[in-house]
N, C-alpha and C. Protein backbone atom coordinates (compact mmCIF):
# COMPACT_ATOMS: atom_id res chain seq x y z
N MET A 1 111.14 138.46 43.95
CA MET A 1 111.85 137.72 44.98
C MET A 1 112.21 138.66 46.13
N ILE A 2 112.04 138.20 47.34
CA ILE A 2 112.31 138.99 48.53
C ILE A 2 113.70 138.65 49.05
N ASP A 3 114.50 139.68 49.31
CA ASP A 3 115.83 139.41 49.82
C ASP A 3 115.80 139.19 51.34
N TYR A 4 116.84 138.58 51.84
CA TYR A 4 116.90 138.20 53.25
C TYR A 4 116.82 139.41 54.18
N ALA A 5 117.46 140.51 53.83
CA ALA A 5 117.46 141.70 54.70
C ALA A 5 116.03 142.22 54.89
N PHE A 6 115.25 142.26 53.81
CA PHE A 6 113.86 142.70 53.93
C PHE A 6 113.05 141.71 54.76
N TYR A 7 113.23 140.42 54.49
CA TYR A 7 112.54 139.37 55.24
C TYR A 7 112.82 139.51 56.74
N LYS A 8 114.08 139.67 57.09
CA LYS A 8 114.48 139.79 58.50
C LYS A 8 113.87 141.03 59.14
N ARG A 9 113.89 142.13 58.43
CA ARG A 9 113.32 143.38 58.94
C ARG A 9 111.82 143.24 59.20
N VAL A 10 111.11 142.62 58.27
CA VAL A 10 109.67 142.42 58.42
C VAL A 10 109.39 141.50 59.61
N MET A 11 110.15 140.41 59.72
CA MET A 11 109.93 139.45 60.80
C MET A 11 110.18 140.10 62.16
N GLU A 12 111.25 140.84 62.29
CA GLU A 12 111.54 141.51 63.55
C GLU A 12 110.46 142.54 63.90
N PHE A 13 110.00 143.29 62.90
CA PHE A 13 108.95 144.28 63.12
C PHE A 13 107.67 143.60 63.61
N LEU A 14 107.25 142.52 62.94
CA LEU A 14 106.01 141.85 63.33
C LEU A 14 106.13 141.14 64.68
N ALA A 15 107.28 140.57 64.97
CA ALA A 15 107.47 139.92 66.27
C ALA A 15 107.32 140.94 67.40
N ARG A 16 107.90 142.12 67.22
CA ARG A 16 107.74 143.19 68.22
C ARG A 16 106.29 143.65 68.29
N TYR A 17 105.67 143.86 67.13
CA TYR A 17 104.28 144.33 67.06
C TYR A 17 103.34 143.36 67.78
N LEU A 18 103.59 142.05 67.63
CA LEU A 18 102.73 141.04 68.24
C LEU A 18 103.16 140.67 69.66
N GLY A 19 104.28 141.22 70.13
CA GLY A 19 104.77 140.90 71.46
C GLY A 19 105.36 139.51 71.56
N LEU A 20 105.93 139.01 70.47
CA LEU A 20 106.47 137.64 70.42
C LEU A 20 107.96 137.62 70.12
N GLU A 21 108.67 138.70 70.45
CA GLU A 21 110.08 138.80 70.08
C GLU A 21 110.97 137.78 70.77
N ASN A 22 110.52 137.15 71.85
CA ASN A 22 111.34 136.16 72.56
C ASN A 22 110.95 134.73 72.23
N GLU A 23 110.12 134.54 71.24
CA GLU A 23 109.65 133.21 70.86
C GLU A 23 110.18 132.85 69.47
N PRO A 24 110.62 131.59 69.26
CA PRO A 24 111.08 131.19 67.93
C PRO A 24 109.90 131.12 66.96
N LEU A 25 109.98 131.92 65.89
CA LEU A 25 108.91 132.01 64.90
C LEU A 25 109.49 131.83 63.51
N TYR A 26 108.62 131.48 62.58
CA TYR A 26 109.01 131.62 61.18
C TYR A 26 107.86 132.24 60.42
N MET A 27 108.21 132.87 59.34
CA MET A 27 107.28 133.65 58.56
C MET A 27 107.25 133.12 57.14
N LYS A 28 106.06 132.96 56.60
CA LYS A 28 105.89 132.56 55.21
C LYS A 28 105.27 133.73 54.46
N VAL A 29 105.96 134.22 53.45
CA VAL A 29 105.45 135.32 52.64
C VAL A 29 104.50 134.73 51.59
N LEU A 30 103.23 135.11 51.69
CA LEU A 30 102.21 134.58 50.79
C LEU A 30 102.06 135.44 49.54
N ARG A 31 102.20 136.75 49.69
CA ARG A 31 102.13 137.68 48.56
C ARG A 31 103.02 138.87 48.85
N TYR A 32 103.50 139.48 47.78
CA TYR A 32 104.37 140.66 47.89
C TYR A 32 104.11 141.49 46.64
N ASP A 33 103.72 142.74 46.81
CA ASP A 33 103.42 143.60 45.66
C ASP A 33 103.94 145.01 45.91
N ASN A 34 104.33 145.66 44.85
CA ASN A 34 104.69 147.07 44.93
C ASN A 34 103.42 147.90 44.93
N VAL A 35 103.43 148.97 45.70
CA VAL A 35 102.34 149.94 45.74
C VAL A 35 102.96 151.33 45.66
N LEU A 36 102.13 152.34 45.53
CA LEU A 36 102.62 153.70 45.45
C LEU A 36 103.46 154.03 46.68
N ASN A 37 104.70 154.40 46.48
CA ASN A 37 105.64 154.79 47.53
C ASN A 37 106.03 153.66 48.49
N GLY A 38 105.88 152.41 48.10
CA GLY A 38 106.27 151.34 49.00
C GLY A 38 105.91 149.95 48.50
N VAL A 39 105.72 149.04 49.46
CA VAL A 39 105.35 147.66 49.15
C VAL A 39 104.30 147.20 50.15
N LYS A 40 103.58 146.14 49.77
CA LYS A 40 102.67 145.49 50.70
C LYS A 40 102.99 144.00 50.70
N VAL A 41 102.81 143.38 51.87
CA VAL A 41 103.19 141.99 52.05
C VAL A 41 102.08 141.27 52.81
N LEU A 42 101.73 140.07 52.35
CA LEU A 42 100.79 139.21 53.05
C LEU A 42 101.60 138.06 53.64
N ILE A 43 101.48 137.85 54.95
CA ILE A 43 102.36 136.96 55.67
C ILE A 43 101.58 136.03 56.58
N ALA A 44 102.08 134.81 56.73
CA ALA A 44 101.58 133.88 57.74
C ALA A 44 102.72 133.68 58.74
N ILE A 45 102.42 133.73 60.04
CA ILE A 45 103.44 133.57 61.08
C ILE A 45 103.13 132.31 61.88
N TYR A 46 104.16 131.48 62.07
CA TYR A 46 104.02 130.19 62.75
C TYR A 46 105.00 130.09 63.92
N ARG A 47 104.64 129.29 64.92
CA ARG A 47 105.57 128.91 65.99
C ARG A 47 106.47 127.81 65.45
N VAL A 48 107.75 127.91 65.69
CA VAL A 48 108.70 126.92 65.19
C VAL A 48 108.49 125.56 65.86
N ARG A 49 108.35 125.55 67.18
CA ARG A 49 108.26 124.27 67.92
C ARG A 49 107.07 123.41 67.52
N THR A 50 105.92 124.03 67.33
CA THR A 50 104.70 123.26 67.09
C THR A 50 104.18 123.37 65.66
N ASN A 51 104.79 124.22 64.85
CA ASN A 51 104.33 124.48 63.49
C ASN A 51 102.90 125.02 63.49
N GLU A 52 102.51 125.65 64.60
CA GLU A 52 101.17 126.19 64.77
C GLU A 52 101.08 127.59 64.15
N LEU A 53 100.03 127.81 63.38
CA LEU A 53 99.78 129.13 62.83
C LEU A 53 99.40 130.08 63.96
N ILE A 54 100.07 131.20 64.04
CA ILE A 54 99.74 132.22 65.03
C ILE A 54 98.76 133.21 64.43
N THR A 55 99.11 133.75 63.28
CA THR A 55 98.26 134.78 62.66
C THR A 55 98.67 135.02 61.21
N TYR A 56 97.80 135.68 60.50
CA TYR A 56 98.11 136.23 59.18
C TYR A 56 98.24 137.73 59.34
N CYS A 57 99.15 138.33 58.58
CA CYS A 57 99.33 139.78 58.64
C CYS A 57 99.43 140.35 57.23
N ALA A 58 98.78 141.48 57.04
CA ALA A 58 98.94 142.29 55.84
C ALA A 58 99.66 143.55 56.30
N VAL A 59 100.78 143.86 55.67
CA VAL A 59 101.57 145.02 56.08
C VAL A 59 101.87 145.87 54.86
N ARG A 60 101.62 147.16 55.00
CA ARG A 60 101.99 148.10 53.95
C ARG A 60 103.14 148.95 54.48
N PHE A 61 104.24 148.93 53.75
CA PHE A 61 105.41 149.73 54.10
C PHE A 61 105.45 150.95 53.20
N ASP A 62 105.37 152.13 53.80
CA ASP A 62 105.40 153.38 53.06
C ASP A 62 106.82 153.95 53.15
N ASN A 63 107.53 153.91 52.04
CA ASN A 63 108.92 154.38 52.03
C ASN A 63 109.03 155.89 52.21
N THR A 64 108.07 156.64 51.72
CA THR A 64 108.10 158.09 51.83
C THR A 64 107.91 158.55 53.26
N MET A 65 106.94 157.95 53.95
CA MET A 65 106.64 158.33 55.33
C MET A 65 107.50 157.58 56.34
N GLY A 66 108.16 156.52 55.91
CA GLY A 66 109.00 155.74 56.80
C GLY A 66 108.21 155.01 57.88
N LYS A 67 107.05 154.47 57.50
CA LYS A 67 106.22 153.78 58.48
C LYS A 67 105.62 152.52 57.88
N ALA A 68 105.12 151.67 58.76
CA ALA A 68 104.47 150.43 58.35
C ALA A 68 103.09 150.37 59.00
N GLU A 69 102.13 149.85 58.25
CA GLU A 69 100.76 149.72 58.75
C GLU A 69 100.36 148.25 58.74
N PRO A 70 100.47 147.55 59.88
CA PRO A 70 100.10 146.13 59.91
C PRO A 70 98.63 145.91 60.31
N THR A 71 98.06 144.88 59.74
CA THR A 71 96.77 144.36 60.17
C THR A 71 96.94 142.86 60.32
N CYS A 72 96.74 142.34 61.54
CA CYS A 72 96.94 140.92 61.80
C CYS A 72 95.65 140.32 62.36
N ASN A 73 95.37 139.08 61.92
CA ASN A 73 94.16 138.39 62.35
C ASN A 73 94.31 136.92 61.98
N GLU A 74 93.64 136.05 62.72
CA GLU A 74 93.68 134.61 62.41
C GLU A 74 92.81 134.24 61.22
N ASP A 75 91.93 135.12 60.81
CA ASP A 75 91.03 134.88 59.68
C ASP A 75 91.73 135.27 58.37
N ARG A 76 92.16 134.28 57.62
CA ARG A 76 92.92 134.54 56.40
C ARG A 76 92.11 135.34 55.38
N GLU A 77 90.84 135.02 55.22
CA GLU A 77 90.01 135.74 54.24
C GLU A 77 89.92 137.22 54.57
N TYR A 78 89.77 137.54 55.86
CA TYR A 78 89.71 138.94 56.28
C TYR A 78 91.03 139.65 55.94
N VAL A 79 92.14 139.03 56.29
CA VAL A 79 93.45 139.66 56.04
C VAL A 79 93.71 139.79 54.54
N GLU A 80 93.30 138.80 53.75
CA GLU A 80 93.45 138.91 52.29
C GLU A 80 92.62 140.06 51.74
N ARG A 81 91.43 140.27 52.29
CA ARG A 81 90.58 141.38 51.86
C ARG A 81 91.25 142.71 52.19
N VAL A 82 91.80 142.82 53.41
CA VAL A 82 92.53 144.04 53.80
C VAL A 82 93.72 144.25 52.87
N TYR A 83 94.44 143.19 52.58
CA TYR A 83 95.60 143.26 51.68
C TYR A 83 95.19 143.79 50.30
N GLY A 84 94.07 143.27 49.79
CA GLY A 84 93.59 143.70 48.48
C GLY A 84 93.20 145.17 48.42
N GLU A 85 92.79 145.72 49.57
CA GLU A 85 92.36 147.12 49.62
C GLU A 85 93.53 148.07 49.85
N MET A 86 94.70 147.55 50.19
CA MET A 86 95.86 148.42 50.40
C MET A 86 96.34 148.97 49.07
N THR A 87 96.58 150.29 49.04
CA THR A 87 97.04 150.91 47.79
C THR A 87 98.41 151.50 47.94
């Protein structure tokens, strides 16, 4: 289970990364797994007003290095493949 603080941090990070910080968005966490020194998350991001899918993102958070590595694309299969290859 993902806590609200982590969810909020991920959403704010991705909104800034995508240049959408001034737009109402919501995020659906599709997968969440622990990896060596961190976690990886598969996410779908939608516009609140239209319920339109903006993109899928696979993000690996490295706790040791204090960084995140996002890959975002509208092709869900591609992003799922990237997610599967994250270690």
